Protein backbone atom coordinates (compact mmCIF):
# COMPACT_ATOMS: atom_id res chain seq x y z
CA MET A 1 0.00 0.00 0.00
CA LYS A 2 1.33 3.43 -0.96
CA SER A 3 1.66 5.92 1.87
CA LYS A 4 -0.30 9.10 1.50
CA THR A 5 1.64 12.32 1.02
CA ALA A 6 1.21 14.60 3.99
CA VAL A 7 -0.98 17.61 3.34
CA PHE A 8 0.69 20.99 3.79
CA ARG A 9 -1.89 23.31 5.38
CA ALA A 10 -1.25 27.02 5.74
CA ASP A 11 -3.30 29.78 7.31
CA LEU A 12 -2.19 32.85 5.38
CA HIS A 13 -3.74 35.64 7.45
CA VAL A 14 -3.08 35.73 11.20
CA HIS A 15 -2.71 38.63 13.66
CA THR A 16 -0.97 38.98 17.00
CA CYS A 17 -0.96 41.60 19.75
CA CYS A 18 1.32 43.68 17.54
CA SER A 19 -1.83 44.63 15.63
CA PHE A 20 -3.86 47.49 17.10
CA ASP A 21 -6.95 45.26 17.33
CA SER A 22 -5.57 42.04 18.81
CA LEU A 23 -4.40 40.85 22.22
CA ALA A 24 -3.07 37.48 20.99
CA ALA A 25 0.44 36.73 22.20
CA PRO A 26 2.63 35.21 19.45
CA LYS A 27 3.35 32.16 21.62
CA ASP A 28 -0.38 31.48 21.99
CA VAL A 29 -0.97 31.87 18.26
CA LEU A 30 1.80 29.35 17.58
CA ALA A 31 0.41 26.91 20.13
CA ALA A 32 -3.02 27.10 18.49
CA ALA A 33 -1.53 26.53 15.03
CA VAL A 34 0.40 23.45 16.16
CA LYS A 35 -2.63 22.06 18.02
CA LYS A 36 -4.75 22.40 14.89
CA GLY A 37 -2.20 20.60 12.75
CA LEU A 38 -1.17 23.50 10.54
CA SER A 39 2.07 23.25 8.59
CA ALA A 40 2.54 27.00 8.26
CA ILE A 41 1.08 30.33 9.30
CA ALA A 42 1.69 33.80 7.97
CA ILE A 43 1.81 36.45 10.69
CA THR A 44 0.30 39.49 8.99
CA ASP A 45 -0.09 42.24 11.56
CA HIS A 46 -1.40 45.63 10.53
CA ASN A 47 1.53 47.74 9.28
CA GLU A 48 3.93 45.88 11.57
CA ILE A 49 6.30 42.87 11.47
CA ALA A 50 7.40 42.71 15.12
CA GLY A 51 4.90 39.94 15.85
CA ALA A 52 6.13 37.91 12.90
CA LEU A 53 9.74 38.30 14.02
CA GLU A 54 8.87 37.21 17.56
CA ALA A 55 6.82 34.24 16.36
CA ALA A 56 9.58 33.08 14.03
CA GLU A 57 12.12 33.25 16.85
CA ILE A 58 9.88 31.30 19.23
CA ALA A 59 9.26 28.63 16.59
CA ARG A 60 13.00 28.34 15.94
CA LYS A 61 13.97 28.09 19.60
CA LYS A 62 11.26 25.56 20.42
CA LYS A 63 11.82 23.67 17.17
CA LEU A 64 8.11 23.73 16.42
CA PRO A 65 6.86 21.69 13.44
CA LEU A 66 5.53 24.89 11.92
CA GLN A 67 6.78 27.30 9.27
CA VAL A 68 6.31 30.94 10.21
CA ILE A 69 6.07 33.24 7.20
CA MET A 70 7.12 36.84 7.67
CA GLY A 71 4.10 38.86 6.60
CA GLU A 72 2.31 42.18 6.99
CA GLU A 73 -1.12 43.60 6.22
CA VAL A 74 -0.25 46.97 4.73
CA SER A 75 -2.79 49.80 4.62
CA THR A 76 -2.92 51.52 1.23
CA ASP A 77 -5.05 54.24 -0.28
CA ARG A 78 -6.95 51.58 -2.25
CA GLY A 79 -7.38 48.99 0.49
CA ASP A 80 -5.42 46.43 2.51
CA LEU A 81 -2.64 44.42 0.90
CA LEU A 82 -1.22 41.22 2.42
CA VAL A 83 2.51 40.79 1.88
CA TYR A 84 4.57 37.63 2.43
CA PHE A 85 8.28 36.77 2.73
CA LEU A 86 9.24 40.29 3.71
CA LYS A 87 12.77 41.32 4.54
CA LYS A 88 11.69 44.54 6.25
CA ARG A 89 8.51 46.41 7.18
CA ILE A 90 6.63 48.32 4.51
CA ALA A 91 5.05 51.60 5.63
CA PRO A 92 1.43 52.31 4.69
CA GLY A 93 0.80 54.61 1.75
CA SER A 94 -0.29 54.58 -1.86
CA LEU A 95 -0.93 51.19 -3.44
CA GLU A 96 1.45 52.08 -6.25
CA ARG A 97 4.33 52.80 -3.87
CA VAL A 98 3.60 49.78 -1.66
CA LEU A 99 3.55 47.44 -4.68
CA SER A 100 6.89 48.86 -5.80
CA GLU A 101 8.37 48.06 -2.39
CA VAL A 102 6.89 44.55 -2.50
CA LYS A 103 8.65 43.90 -5.80
CA ALA A 104 11.90 45.49 -4.55
CA GLN A 105 11.92 42.98 -1.67
CA ASN A 106 11.05 40.09 -4.02
CA ALA A 107 8.02 39.47 -1.80
CA VAL A 108 4.57 38.11 -2.68
CA CYS A 109 1.35 40.07 -2.24
CA SER A 110 -2.37 39.39 -2.12
CA ALA A 111 -5.46 41.58 -2.00
CA ALA A 112 -6.94 41.17 1.49
CA HIS A 113 -10.70 40.51 1.86
CA PRO A 114 -11.61 42.19 -1.45
CA TYR A 115 -14.98 43.89 -1.69
CA ASP A 116 -15.30 44.22 2.09
CA LYS A 117 -15.60 48.01 2.28
CA ILE A 118 -16.00 48.02 6.06
CA ARG A 119 -12.57 46.41 6.40
CA HIS A 120 -10.90 48.30 3.57
CA GLY A 121 -10.96 45.62 0.91
CA ILE A 122 -9.55 46.58 -2.48
CA GLN A 123 -12.21 47.09 -5.14
CA LEU A 124 -10.36 45.06 -7.73
CA GLU A 125 -12.39 46.03 -10.78
CA ASN A 126 -11.47 49.67 -10.19
CA LEU A 127 -7.71 49.13 -10.38
CA LYS A 128 -5.64 50.16 -13.34
CA PRO A 129 -4.33 47.10 -15.24
CA SER A 130 -0.77 48.13 -14.43
CA LEU A 131 -1.51 47.89 -10.69
CA LEU A 132 -3.59 44.72 -10.90
CA GLU A 133 -0.77 43.01 -12.78
CA LYS A 134 1.55 43.54 -9.80
CA ILE A 135 -0.83 41.82 -7.34
CA ASP A 136 0.19 38.15 -7.24
CA ALA A 137 -2.88 36.64 -5.61
CA ILE A 138 -6.37 37.21 -4.25
CA GLU A 139 -7.59 36.27 -0.79
CA ALA A 140 -10.48 34.19 -2.09
CA PHE A 141 -11.65 33.14 1.37
CA ASN A 142 -11.47 35.24 4.51
CA ALA A 143 -13.09 33.58 7.54
CA ARG A 144 -14.08 36.90 9.08
CA VAL A 145 -16.25 38.26 6.27
CA THR A 146 -19.80 38.92 7.39
CA ILE A 147 -21.22 38.77 3.86
CA PRO A 148 -20.30 35.42 2.22
CA SER A 149 -20.78 36.82 -1.28
CA HIS A 150 -17.60 38.87 -0.76
CA ASN A 151 -15.62 35.63 -0.77
CA ALA A 152 -17.53 34.33 -3.78
CA ARG A 153 -16.81 37.52 -5.73
CA ALA A 154 -13.13 37.35 -4.79
CA LEU A 155 -12.85 33.75 -5.99
CA GLU A 156 -14.65 34.57 -9.23
CA PHE A 157 -12.35 37.52 -9.89
CA ALA A 158 -9.22 35.44 -9.20
CA GLN A 159 -10.33 32.71 -11.58
CA LYS A 160 -11.28 35.21 -14.29
CA HIS A 161 -7.93 36.99 -14.11
CA GLY A 162 -5.71 33.96 -13.55
CA LYS A 163 -4.60 34.92 -10.04
CA ALA A 164 -3.51 32.49 -7.34
CA VAL A 165 -6.09 32.01 -4.59
CA PHE A 166 -5.22 32.39 -0.91
CA ALA A 167 -7.25 31.82 2.24
CA GLY A 168 -6.85 32.91 5.83
CA SER A 169 -8.64 32.96 9.13
CA ASP A 170 -7.80 36.65 9.67
CA ALA A 171 -7.46 35.48 13.26
CA HIS A 172 -7.20 38.12 15.98
CA HIS A 173 -7.55 35.52 18.74
CA PRO A 174 -5.90 32.09 19.02
CA LEU A 175 -9.31 30.39 18.90
CA GLU A 176 -9.74 31.58 15.30
CA VAL A 177 -6.43 30.24 13.95
CA GLY A 178 -6.92 27.65 11.22
CA ALA A 179 -10.56 28.47 10.47
CA ALA A 180 -9.46 29.01 6.88
CA ALA A 181 -6.41 27.50 5.25
CA VAL A 182 -4.90 26.50 1.95
CA GLU A 183 -3.88 22.89 1.42
CA PHE A 184 -0.89 22.72 -0.90
CA ALA A 185 0.08 19.58 -2.81
CA GLY A 186 3.58 18.30 -3.41
CA ILE A 187 5.52 20.59 -1.06
CA ARG A 188 7.19 20.34 2.32
CA ARG A 189 7.80 24.04 2.81
CA LEU A 190 6.46 27.20 1.23
CA ASP A 191 8.64 29.66 -0.61
CA ARG A 192 7.87 32.62 -2.87
CA LYS A 193 7.41 30.41 -5.92
CA SER A 194 5.30 27.62 -4.42
CA LEU A 195 3.08 30.11 -2.56
CA VAL A 196 1.83 31.30 -5.94
CA LEU A 197 2.30 28.31 -8.23
CA ALA A 198 1.82 25.11 -6.21
CA SER A 199 -1.40 23.15 -6.69
CA ARG A 200 -3.91 23.94 -3.93
CA VAL A 201 -7.38 23.66 -2.52
CA ILE A 202 -9.06 25.89 0.03
CA LYS A 203 -10.35 24.28 3.22
CA ALA A 204 -12.30 26.84 5.18
CA LYS A 205 -15.36 27.83 7.13
CA LEU A 206 -16.69 31.19 8.20
CA SER A 207 -16.05 32.27 11.76
CA SER A 208 -18.91 33.41 13.95
CA PRO A 209 -19.67 37.13 13.53
CA LEU A 210 -19.09 37.36 17.28
CA VAL A 211 -15.32 37.21 16.72
CA HIS A 212 -15.45 40.88 15.74
CA PHE A 213 -16.27 41.70 19.35
CA LEU A 214 -12.87 40.23 20.28
CA SER A 215 -11.22 42.84 18.07
CA ARG A 216 -13.31 45.65 19.48
CA TYR A 217 -12.49 44.53 23.00
CA ALA A 218 -8.78 44.52 22.11
CA VAL A 219 -8.99 48.07 20.74
CA LEU A 220 -10.77 49.22 23.91
CA ARG A 221 -8.28 47.50 26.22
CA LYS A 222 -5.37 49.12 24.43
CA LYS A 223 -6.99 52.56 24.60
CA ILE A 224 -7.48 52.14 28.35
CA ARG A 225 -3.83 51.08 28.78
CA ARG A 226 -2.60 54.12 26.86
CA ALA A 227 -4.83 56.41 28.86
CA LYS A 228 -3.48 55.01 32.15
CA LYS A 229 0.11 55.42 30.98
CA SER A 230 -0.43 59.02 29.95
CA SER A 231 -2.27 60.00 33.15
């Protein structure tokens, strides 16, 4: 009997307490990912890579069976852009400038939760062809969307334009990690090339809308902390 090839599962959109709207410690995010059998996670904090650096160091020291991808969710004037395999942080700004920095770092980028205007999704149809060409992939499933048709539209757009499809939990709490993932075939580790080109299927489910209260609570807690420090 032939042994089955292990499935490589990656959650490509995860936040830690280094995001303004999360209280999740990197060590707890990693523990959740290992417990749920993930092969890789991308730490994609808002305009920050400190959480990704910390998570990667913890995984290395503890020799966790988990690849940590250095990522960031960068705010642009056209919407949020997920970036992977970064060498250094990219500051928020115009989509054109951010995409130029992505290419300069030989990184990979994906449109985050397209069509979700509440969470600053990029309206893909409105982009100039020259900008769309520089976006490597589309987040075709985001577990935190409150309107499922946003995911359906993102998948349809990706297929129509020949873009790679990504999926992520958009976790802001360890309990959410792994709700959405991509299962890659024929790889043991992700790199820039396989992240875009490897054969894949999306395995995902929507998170409860209640998870958004976790983010709001995190924002409130951090505001209270800042107020106490300044008083």
